């Protein structure tokens, strides 16, 4: 199981998205989430299922955010995706 500090950026990202922070704040935090993920992934003690779940969440949020910014989805659709992803 991951300790809280090792997943803190993902929790921070969820909080920023829930609070409706600016895209710059969200992008910076998302970048830090990926960095944190790569550290977790390199740790031999991290179970592969944890890595896979974390990667999936980050990929889905990244794609949804890019789609929102490109105008391919609405804010309502983005929020639905975000809720679904973070419930995992």
PDB file of N, CA and C in Angstrom:
ATOM      1  N   UNK A   1       0.850  -1.190   0.000  1.00  0.00           N
ATOM      2  CA  UNK A   1       0.000   0.000   0.000  1.00  0.00           C
ATOM      3  C   UNK A   1       0.887   1.240   0.000  1.00  0.00           C
ATOM      4  N   UNK A   2       0.481   2.260  -0.743  1.00  0.00           N
ATOM      5  CA  UNK A   2       1.262   3.484  -0.806  1.00  0.00           C
ATOM      6  C   UNK A   2       1.030   4.331   0.432  1.00  0.00           C
ATOM      7  N   UNK A   3       2.075   4.989   0.870  1.00  0.00           N
ATOM      8  CA  UNK A   3       1.922   5.896   1.994  1.00  0.00           C
ATOM      9  C   UNK A   3       1.339   7.209   1.480  1.00  0.00           C
ATOM     10  N   UNK A   4       0.742   7.985   2.346  1.00  0.00           N
ATOM     11  CA  UNK A   4       0.116   9.232   1.936  1.00  0.00           C
ATOM     12  C   UNK A   4       1.051  10.185   1.199  1.00  0.00           C
ATOM     13  N   UNK A   5       2.287  10.394   1.665  1.00  0.00           N
ATOM     14  CA  UNK A   5       3.158  11.326   0.947  1.00  0.00           C
ATOM     15  C   UNK A   5       3.423  10.905  -0.500  1.00  0.00           C
ATOM     16  N   UNK A   6       3.376   9.613  -0.771  1.00  0.00           N
ATOM     17  CA  UNK A   6       3.693   9.141  -2.117  1.00  0.00           C
ATOM     18  C   UNK A   6       2.553   9.377  -3.095  1.00  0.00           C
ATOM     19  N   UNK A   7       1.347   9.621  -2.611  1.00  0.00           N
ATOM     20  CA  UNK A   7       0.233   9.910  -3.509  1.00  0.00           C
ATOM     21  C   UNK A   7      -0.336  11.304  -3.252  1.00  0.00           C
ATOM     22  N   UNK A   8       0.414  12.127  -2.583  1.00  0.00           N
ATOM     23  CA  UNK A   8      -0.090  13.438  -2.191  1.00  0.00           C
ATOM     24  C   UNK A   8      -0.429  14.323  -3.380  1.00  0.00           C
ATOM     25  N   UNK A   9       0.329  14.254  -4.438  1.00  0.00           N
ATOM     26  CA  UNK A   9       0.069  15.117  -5.589  1.00  0.00           C
ATOM     27  C   UNK A   9      -1.224  14.732  -6.292  1.00  0.00           C
ATOM     28  N   UNK A  10      -1.541  13.455  -6.329  1.00  0.00           N
ATOM     29  CA  UNK A  10      -2.792  13.026  -6.944  1.00  0.00           C
ATOM     30  C   UNK A  10      -3.975  13.525  -6.115  1.00  0.00           C
ATOM     31  N   UNK A  11      -3.845  13.470  -4.820  1.00  0.00           N
ATOM     32  CA  UNK A  11      -4.896  14.006  -3.943  1.00  0.00           C
ATOM     33  C   UNK A  11      -5.008  15.518  -4.123  1.00  0.00           C
ATOM     34  N   UNK A  12      -3.877  16.185  -4.249  1.00  0.00           N
ATOM     35  CA  UNK A  12      -3.867  17.633  -4.464  1.00  0.00           C
ATOM     36  C   UNK A  12      -4.543  17.972  -5.792  1.00  0.00           C
ATOM     37  N   UNK A  13      -4.272  17.179  -6.834  1.00  0.00           N
ATOM     38  CA  UNK A  13      -4.883  17.403  -8.135  1.00  0.00           C
ATOM     39  C   UNK A  13      -6.398  17.288  -8.031  1.00  0.00           C
ATOM     40  N   UNK A  14      -6.882  16.267  -7.366  1.00  0.00           N
ATOM     41  CA  UNK A  14      -8.328  16.085  -7.197  1.00  0.00           C
ATOM     42  C   UNK A  14      -8.932  17.288  -6.482  1.00  0.00           C
ATOM     43  N   UNK A  15      -8.239  17.779  -5.477  1.00  0.00           N
ATOM     44  CA  UNK A  15      -8.715  18.938  -4.729  1.00  0.00           C
ATOM     45  C   UNK A  15      -8.752  20.193  -5.604  1.00  0.00           C
ATOM     46  N   UNK A  16      -7.697  20.415  -6.374  1.00  0.00           N
ATOM     47  CA  UNK A  16      -7.649  21.578  -7.267  1.00  0.00           C
ATOM     48  C   UNK A  16      -8.783  21.532  -8.286  1.00  0.00           C
ATOM     49  N   UNK A  17      -9.025  20.351  -8.825  1.00  0.00           N
ATOM     50  CA  UNK A  17     -10.073  20.211  -9.826  1.00  0.00           C
ATOM     51  C   UNK A  17     -11.446  20.414  -9.197  1.00  0.00           C
ATOM     52  N   UNK A  18     -11.615  19.960  -8.001  1.00  0.00           N
ATOM     53  CA  UNK A  18     -12.883  20.124  -7.301  1.00  0.00           C
ATOM     54  C   UNK A  18     -13.137  21.591  -6.967  1.00  0.00           C
ATOM     55  N   UNK A  19     -12.077  22.307  -6.626  1.00  0.00           N
ATOM     56  CA  UNK A  19     -12.189  23.713  -6.253  1.00  0.00           C
ATOM     57  C   UNK A  19     -12.298  24.644  -7.453  1.00  0.00           C
ATOM     58  N   UNK A  20     -12.164  24.094  -8.660  1.00  0.00           N
ATOM     59  CA  UNK A  20     -12.270  24.907  -9.869  1.00  0.00           C
ATOM     60  C   UNK A  20     -11.099  25.849 -10.072  1.00  0.00           C
ATOM     61  N   UNK A  21      -9.915  25.414  -9.708  1.00  0.00           N
ATOM     62  CA  UNK A  21      -8.719  26.245  -9.880  1.00  0.00           C
ATOM     63  C   UNK A  21      -8.417  26.457 -11.360  1.00  0.00           C
ATOM     64  N   UNK A  22      -7.515  27.379 -11.635  1.00  0.00           N
ATOM     65  CA  UNK A  22      -7.174  27.701 -13.022  1.00  0.00           C
ATOM     66  C   UNK A  22      -6.460  26.539 -13.692  1.00  0.00           C
ATOM     67  N   UNK A  23      -6.511  26.527 -15.010  1.00  0.00           N
ATOM     68  CA  UNK A  23      -5.847  25.473 -15.766  1.00  0.00           C
ATOM     69  C   UNK A  23      -4.349  25.457 -15.510  1.00  0.00           C
ATOM     70  N   UNK A  24      -3.746  26.622 -15.290  1.00  0.00           N
ATOM     71  CA  UNK A  24      -2.307  26.658 -15.012  1.00  0.00           C
ATOM     72  C   UNK A  24      -1.994  25.888 -13.726  1.00  0.00           C
ATOM     73  N   UNK A  25      -2.798  26.103 -12.695  1.00  0.00           N
ATOM     74  CA  UNK A  25      -2.603  25.380 -11.431  1.00  0.00           C
ATOM     75  C   UNK A  25      -2.777  23.879 -11.634  1.00  0.00           C
ATOM     76  N   UNK A  26      -3.802  23.528 -12.391  1.00  0.00           N
ATOM     77  CA  UNK A  26      -4.086  22.117 -12.638  1.00  0.00           C
ATOM     78  C   UNK A  26      -2.980  21.475 -13.459  1.00  0.00           C
ATOM     79  N   UNK A  27      -2.519  22.180 -14.500  1.00  0.00           N
ATOM     80  CA  UNK A  27      -1.452  21.620 -15.331  1.00  0.00           C
ATOM     81  C   UNK A  27      -0.165  21.421 -14.538  1.00  0.00           C
ATOM     82  N   UNK A  28       0.179  22.381 -13.708  1.00  0.00           N
ATOM     83  CA  UNK A  28       1.399  22.261 -12.898  1.00  0.00           C
ATOM     84  C   UNK A  28       1.279  21.069 -11.953  1.00  0.00           C
ATOM     85  N   UNK A  29       0.133  20.928 -11.319  1.00  0.00           N
ATOM     86  CA  UNK A  29      -0.074  19.815 -10.395  1.00  0.00           C
ATOM     87  C   UNK A  29      -0.082  18.490 -11.149  1.00  0.00           C
ATOM     88  N   UNK A  30      -0.696  18.462 -12.332  1.00  0.00           N
ATOM     89  CA  UNK A  30      -0.715  17.236 -13.130  1.00  0.00           C
ATOM     90  C   UNK A  30       0.703  16.824 -13.505  1.00  0.00           C
ATOM     91  N   UNK A  31       1.515  17.791 -13.846  1.00  0.00           N
ATOM     92  CA  UNK A  31       2.928  17.504 -14.153  1.00  0.00           C
ATOM     93  C   UNK A  31       3.632  16.910 -12.937  1.00  0.00           C
ATOM     94  N   UNK A  32       3.374  17.467 -11.774  1.00  0.00           N
ATOM     95  CA  UNK A  32       3.966  16.937 -10.540  1.00  0.00           C
ATOM     96  C   UNK A  32       3.432  15.540 -10.230  1.00  0.00           C
ATOM     97  N   UNK A  33       2.170  15.283 -10.569  1.00  0.00           N
ATOM     98  CA  UNK A  33       1.599  13.944 -10.382  1.00  0.00           C
ATOM     99  C   UNK A  33       2.351  12.918 -11.229  1.00  0.00           C
ATOM    100  N   UNK A  34       2.636  13.281 -12.480  1.00  0.00           N
ATOM    101  CA  UNK A  34       3.380  12.367 -13.352  1.00  0.00           C
ATOM    102  C   UNK A  34       4.777  12.123 -12.798  1.00  0.00           C
ATOM    103  N   UNK A  35       5.434  13.170 -12.307  1.00  0.00           N
ATOM    104  CA  UNK A  35       6.764  12.996 -11.713  1.00  0.00           C
ATOM    105  C   UNK A  35       6.688  12.065 -10.512  1.00  0.00           C
ATOM    106  N   UNK A  36       5.700  12.278  -9.674  1.00  0.00           N
ATOM    107  CA  UNK A  36       5.504  11.436  -8.497  1.00  0.00           C
ATOM    108  C   UNK A  36       5.232   9.989  -8.928  1.00  0.00           C
ATOM    109  N   UNK A  37       4.425   9.812  -9.965  1.00  0.00           N
ATOM    110  CA  UNK A  37       4.127   8.478 -10.468  1.00  0.00           C
ATOM    111  C   UNK A  37       5.401   7.774 -10.925  1.00  0.00           C
ATOM    112  N   UNK A  38       6.257   8.475 -11.667  1.00  0.00           N
ATOM    113  CA  UNK A  38       7.485   7.848 -12.167  1.00  0.00           C
ATOM    114  C   UNK A  38       8.392   7.406 -11.011  1.00  0.00           C
ATOM    115  N   UNK A  39       8.381   8.163  -9.924  1.00  0.00           N
ATOM    116  CA  UNK A  39       9.146   7.759  -8.739  1.00  0.00           C
ATOM    117  C   UNK A  39       8.556   6.484  -8.134  1.00  0.00           C
ATOM    118  N   UNK A  40       7.242   6.445  -8.030  1.00  0.00           N
ATOM    119  CA  UNK A  40       6.559   5.270  -7.484  1.00  0.00           C
ATOM    120  C   UNK A  40       6.810   4.062  -8.366  1.00  0.00           C
ATOM    121  N   UNK A  41       6.749   4.275  -9.670  1.00  0.00           N
ATOM    122  CA  UNK A  41       6.932   3.185 -10.630  1.00  0.00           C
ATOM    123  C   UNK A  41       8.328   2.567 -10.532  1.00  0.00           C
ATOM    124  N   UNK A  42       9.321   3.398 -10.254  1.00  0.00           N
ATOM    125  CA  UNK A  42      10.701   2.908 -10.139  1.00  0.00           C
ATOM    126  C   UNK A  42      10.956   2.160  -8.830  1.00  0.00           C
ATOM    127  N   UNK A  43      10.116   2.373  -7.853  1.00  0.00           N
ATOM    128  CA  UNK A  43      10.272   1.721  -6.554  1.00  0.00           C
ATOM    129  C   UNK A  43       9.865   0.257  -6.683  1.00  0.00           C
ATOM    130  N   UNK A  44      10.796  -0.635  -6.450  1.00  0.00           N
ATOM    131  CA  UNK A  44      10.547  -2.071  -6.592  1.00  0.00           C
ATOM    132  C   UNK A  44       9.501  -2.590  -5.608  1.00  0.00           C
ATOM    133  N   UNK A  45       9.276  -1.873  -4.522  1.00  0.00           N
ATOM    134  CA  UNK A  45       8.312  -2.306  -3.512  1.00  0.00           C
ATOM    135  C   UNK A  45       6.867  -1.948  -3.875  1.00  0.00           C
ATOM    136  N   UNK A  46       6.684  -1.153  -4.918  1.00  0.00           N
ATOM    137  CA  UNK A  46       5.344  -0.753  -5.314  1.00  0.00           C
ATOM    138  C   UNK A  46       4.702  -1.872  -6.132  1.00  0.00           C
ATOM    139  N   UNK A  47       3.548  -2.359  -5.688  1.00  0.00           N
ATOM    140  CA  UNK A  47       2.860  -3.411  -6.441  1.00  0.00           C
ATOM    141  C   UNK A  47       2.470  -2.927  -7.843  1.00  0.00           C
ATOM    142  N   UNK A  48       2.542  -3.815  -8.807  1.00  0.00           N
ATOM    143  CA  UNK A  48       2.253  -3.437 -10.194  1.00  0.00           C
ATOM    144  C   UNK A  48       0.817  -2.941 -10.368  1.00  0.00           C
ATOM    145  N   UNK A  49      -0.127  -3.493  -9.602  1.00  0.00           N
ATOM    146  CA  UNK A  49      -1.516  -3.037  -9.742  1.00  0.00           C
ATOM    147  C   UNK A  49      -1.683  -1.586  -9.286  1.00  0.00           C
ATOM    148  N   UNK A  50      -0.893  -1.161  -8.306  1.00  0.00           N
ATOM    149  CA  UNK A  50      -0.931   0.233  -7.864  1.00  0.00           C
ATOM    150  C   UNK A  50      -0.403   1.135  -8.977  1.00  0.00           C
ATOM    151  N   UNK A  51       0.689   0.717  -9.594  1.00  0.00           N
ATOM    152  CA  UNK A  51       1.248   1.492 -10.711  1.00  0.00           C
ATOM    153  C   UNK A  51       0.246   1.590 -11.844  1.00  0.00           C
ATOM    154  N   UNK A  52      -0.388   0.487 -12.178  1.00  0.00           N
ATOM    155  CA  UNK A  52      -1.336   0.477 -13.295  1.00  0.00           C
ATOM    156  C   UNK A  52      -2.541   1.365 -13.013  1.00  0.00           C
ATOM    157  N   UNK A  53      -3.090   1.273 -11.812  1.00  0.00           N
ATOM    158  CA  UNK A  53      -4.246   2.101 -11.464  1.00  0.00           C
ATOM    159  C   UNK A  53      -3.886   3.580 -11.477  1.00  0.00           C
ATOM    160  N   UNK A  54      -2.731   3.909 -10.928  1.00  0.00           N
ATOM    161  CA  UNK A  54      -2.299   5.301 -10.895  1.00  0.00           C
ATOM    162  C   UNK A  54      -2.078   5.820 -12.310  1.00  0.00           C
ATOM    163  N   UNK A  55      -1.420   5.027 -13.149  1.00  0.00           N
ATOM    164  CA  UNK A  55      -1.189   5.427 -14.549  1.00  0.00           C
ATOM    165  C   UNK A  55      -2.519   5.657 -15.262  1.00  0.00           C
ATOM    166  N   UNK A  56      -3.476   4.776 -15.056  1.00  0.00           N
ATOM    167  CA  UNK A  56      -4.772   4.894 -15.711  1.00  0.00           C
ATOM    168  C   UNK A  56      -5.471   6.188 -15.313  1.00  0.00           C
ATOM    169  N   UNK A  57      -5.464   6.498 -14.027  1.00  0.00           N
ATOM    170  CA  UNK A  57      -6.082   7.738 -13.545  1.00  0.00           C
ATOM    171  C   UNK A  57      -5.407   8.943 -14.189  1.00  0.00           C
ATOM    172  N   UNK A  58      -4.090   8.964 -14.177  1.00  0.00           N
ATOM    173  CA  UNK A  58      -3.365  10.103 -14.749  1.00  0.00           C
ATOM    174  C   UNK A  58      -3.605  10.232 -16.252  1.00  0.00           C
ATOM    175  N   UNK A  59      -3.609   9.125 -16.952  1.00  0.00           N
ATOM    176  CA  UNK A  59      -3.855   9.169 -18.395  1.00  0.00           C
ATOM    177  C   UNK A  59      -5.260   9.683 -18.699  1.00  0.00           C
ATOM    178  N   UNK A  60      -6.247   9.190 -17.967  1.00  0.00           N
ATOM    179  CA  UNK A  60      -7.624   9.609 -18.221  1.00  0.00           C
ATOM    180  C   UNK A  60      -7.824  11.087 -17.913  1.00  0.00           C
ATOM    181  N   UNK A  61      -7.254  11.561 -16.833  1.00  0.00           N
ATOM    182  CA  UNK A  61      -7.376  12.979 -16.494  1.00  0.00           C
ATOM    183  C   UNK A  61      -6.640  13.837 -17.522  1.00  0.00           C
ATOM    184  N   UNK A  62      -5.461  13.403 -17.951  1.00  0.00           N
ATOM    185  CA  UNK A  62      -4.692  14.153 -18.942  1.00  0.00           C
ATOM    186  C   UNK A  62      -5.476  14.270 -20.249  1.00  0.00           C
ATOM    187  N   UNK A  63      -6.017  13.162 -20.713  1.00  0.00           N
ATOM    188  CA  UNK A  63      -6.785  13.161 -21.970  1.00  0.00           C
ATOM    189  C   UNK A  63      -8.041  14.025 -21.831  1.00  0.00           C
ATOM    190  N   UNK A  64      -8.748  13.906 -20.718  1.00  0.00           N
ATOM    191  CA  UNK A  64      -9.966  14.694 -20.511  1.00  0.00           C
ATOM    192  C   UNK A  64      -9.656  16.186 -20.459  1.00  0.00           C
ATOM    193  N   UNK A  65      -8.581  16.552 -19.793  1.00  0.00           N
ATOM    194  CA  UNK A  65      -8.199  17.959 -19.707  1.00  0.00           C
ATOM    195  C   UNK A  65      -7.832  18.504 -21.086  1.00  0.00           C
ATOM    196  N   UNK A  66      -7.093  17.725 -21.856  1.00  0.00           N
ATOM    197  CA  UNK A  66      -6.734  18.149 -23.214  1.00  0.00           C
ATOM    198  C   UNK A  66      -7.985  18.286 -24.086  1.00  0.00           C
ATOM    199  N   UNK A  67      -8.931  17.365 -23.945  1.00  0.00           N
ATOM    200  CA  UNK A  67     -10.177  17.428 -24.711  1.00  0.00           C
ATOM    201  C   UNK A  67     -10.995  18.658 -24.326  1.00  0.00           C
ATOM    202  N   UNK A  68     -11.043  18.961 -23.047  1.00  0.00           N
ATOM    203  CA  UNK A  68     -11.755  20.151 -22.571  1.00  0.00           C
ATOM    204  C   UNK A  68     -11.143  21.409 -23.165  1.00  0.00           C
ATOM    205  N   UNK A  69      -9.834  21.504 -23.106  1.00  0.00           N
ATOM    206  CA  UNK A  69      -9.150  22.691 -23.614  1.00  0.00           C
ATOM    207  C   UNK A  69      -9.260  22.832 -25.128  1.00  0.00           C
ATOM    208  N   UNK A  70      -9.407  21.711 -25.824  1.00  0.00           N
ATOM    209  CA  UNK A  70      -9.555  21.733 -27.276  1.00  0.00           C
ATOM    210  C   UNK A  70     -11.010  21.985 -27.693  1.00  0.00           C
ATOM    211  N   UNK A  71     -11.900  21.996 -26.731  1.00  0.00           N
ATOM    212  CA  UNK A  71     -13.302  22.217 -27.021  1.00  0.00           C
ATOM    213  C   UNK A  71     -14.028  20.963 -27.483  1.00  0.00           C
ATOM    214  N   UNK A  72     -13.392  19.808 -27.335  1.00  0.00           N
ATOM    215  CA  UNK A  72     -13.990  18.553 -27.776  1.00  0.00           C
ATOM    216  C   UNK A  72     -15.043  18.031 -26.798  1.00  0.00           C
ATOM    217  N   UNK A  73     -14.965  18.456 -25.539  1.00  0.00           N
ATOM    218  CA  UNK A  73     -15.971  18.088 -24.547  1.00  0.00           C
ATOM    219  C   UNK A  73     -16.362  19.334 -23.762  1.00  0.00           C
ATOM    220  N   UNK A  74     -17.510  19.273 -23.139  1.00  0.00           N
ATOM    221  CA  UNK A  74     -17.994  20.388 -22.329  1.00  0.00           C
ATOM    222  C   UNK A  74     -17.454  20.270 -20.903  1.00  0.00           C
ATOM    223  N   UNK A  75     -17.616  21.332 -20.156  1.00  0.00           N
ATOM    224  CA  UNK A  75     -17.209  21.312 -18.751  1.00  0.00           C
ATOM    225  C   UNK A  75     -18.025  20.262 -18.000  1.00  0.00           C
ATOM    226  N   UNK A  76     -19.295  20.138 -18.342  1.00  0.00           N
ATOM    227  CA  UNK A  76     -20.147  19.142 -17.692  1.00  0.00           C
ATOM    228  C   UNK A  76     -19.614  17.729 -17.951  1.00  0.00           C
ATOM    229  N   UNK A  77     -19.246  17.447 -19.183  1.00  0.00           N
ATOM    230  CA  UNK A  77     -18.695  16.137 -19.532  1.00  0.00           C
ATOM    231  C   UNK A  77     -17.354  15.917 -18.824  1.00  0.00           C
ATOM    232  N   UNK A  78     -16.521  16.952 -18.786  1.00  0.00           N
ATOM    233  CA  UNK A  78     -15.236  16.855 -18.085  1.00  0.00           C
ATOM    234  C   UNK A  78     -15.461  16.516 -16.617  1.00  0.00           C
ATOM    235  N   UNK A  79     -16.410  17.189 -15.996  1.00  0.00           N
ATOM    236  CA  UNK A  79     -16.695  16.937 -14.580  1.00  0.00           C
ATOM    237  C   UNK A  79     -17.203  15.519 -14.359  1.00  0.00           C
ATOM    238  N   UNK A  80     -17.984  14.993 -15.291  1.00  0.00           N
ATOM    239  CA  UNK A  80     -18.462  13.621 -15.189  1.00  0.00           C
ATOM    240  C   UNK A  80     -17.282  12.643 -15.262  1.00  0.00           C
ATOM    241  N   UNK A  81     -16.381  12.893 -16.201  1.00  0.00           N
ATOM    242  CA  UNK A  81     -15.196  12.037 -16.357  1.00  0.00           C
ATOM    243  C   UNK A  81     -14.323  12.117 -15.110  1.00  0.00           C
ATOM    244  N   UNK A  82     -14.100  13.338 -14.647  1.00  0.00           N
ATOM    245  CA  UNK A  82     -13.275  13.551 -13.462  1.00  0.00           C
ATOM    246  C   UNK A  82     -13.835  12.805 -12.263  1.00  0.00           C
ATOM    247  N   UNK A  83     -15.127  12.896 -12.055  1.00  0.00           N
ATOM    248  CA  UNK A  83     -15.777  12.213 -10.933  1.00  0.00           C
ATOM    249  C   UNK A  83     -15.601  10.708 -11.057  1.00  0.00           C
ATOM    250  N   UNK A  84     -15.843  10.191 -12.249  1.00  0.00           N
ATOM    251  CA  UNK A  84     -15.703   8.751 -12.487  1.00  0.00           C
ATOM    252  C   UNK A  84     -14.269   8.279 -12.241  1.00  0.00           C
ATOM    253  N   UNK A  85     -13.306   9.037 -12.730  1.00  0.00           N
ATOM    254  CA  UNK A  85     -11.894   8.651 -12.590  1.00  0.00           C
ATOM    255  C   UNK A  85     -11.459   8.649 -11.133  1.00  0.00           C
ATOM    256  N   UNK A  86     -11.822   9.673 -10.404  1.00  0.00           N
ATOM    257  CA  UNK A  86     -11.367   9.756  -9.018  1.00  0.00           C
ATOM    258  C   UNK A  86     -12.137   8.829  -8.079  1.00  0.00           C
ATOM    259  N   UNK A  87     -13.252   8.282  -8.541  1.00  0.00           N
ATOM    260  CA  UNK A  87     -13.967   7.292  -7.731  1.00  0.00           C
ATOM    261  C   UNK A  87     -13.239   5.957  -7.758  1.00  0.00           C
ATOM    262  N   UNK A  88     -12.413   5.729  -8.789  1.00  0.00           N
ATOM    263  CA  UNK A  88     -11.656   4.482  -8.896  1.00  0.00           C
ATOM    264  C   UNK A  88     -10.737   4.412  -7.754  1.00  0.00           C
TER     265      UNK A  88
END
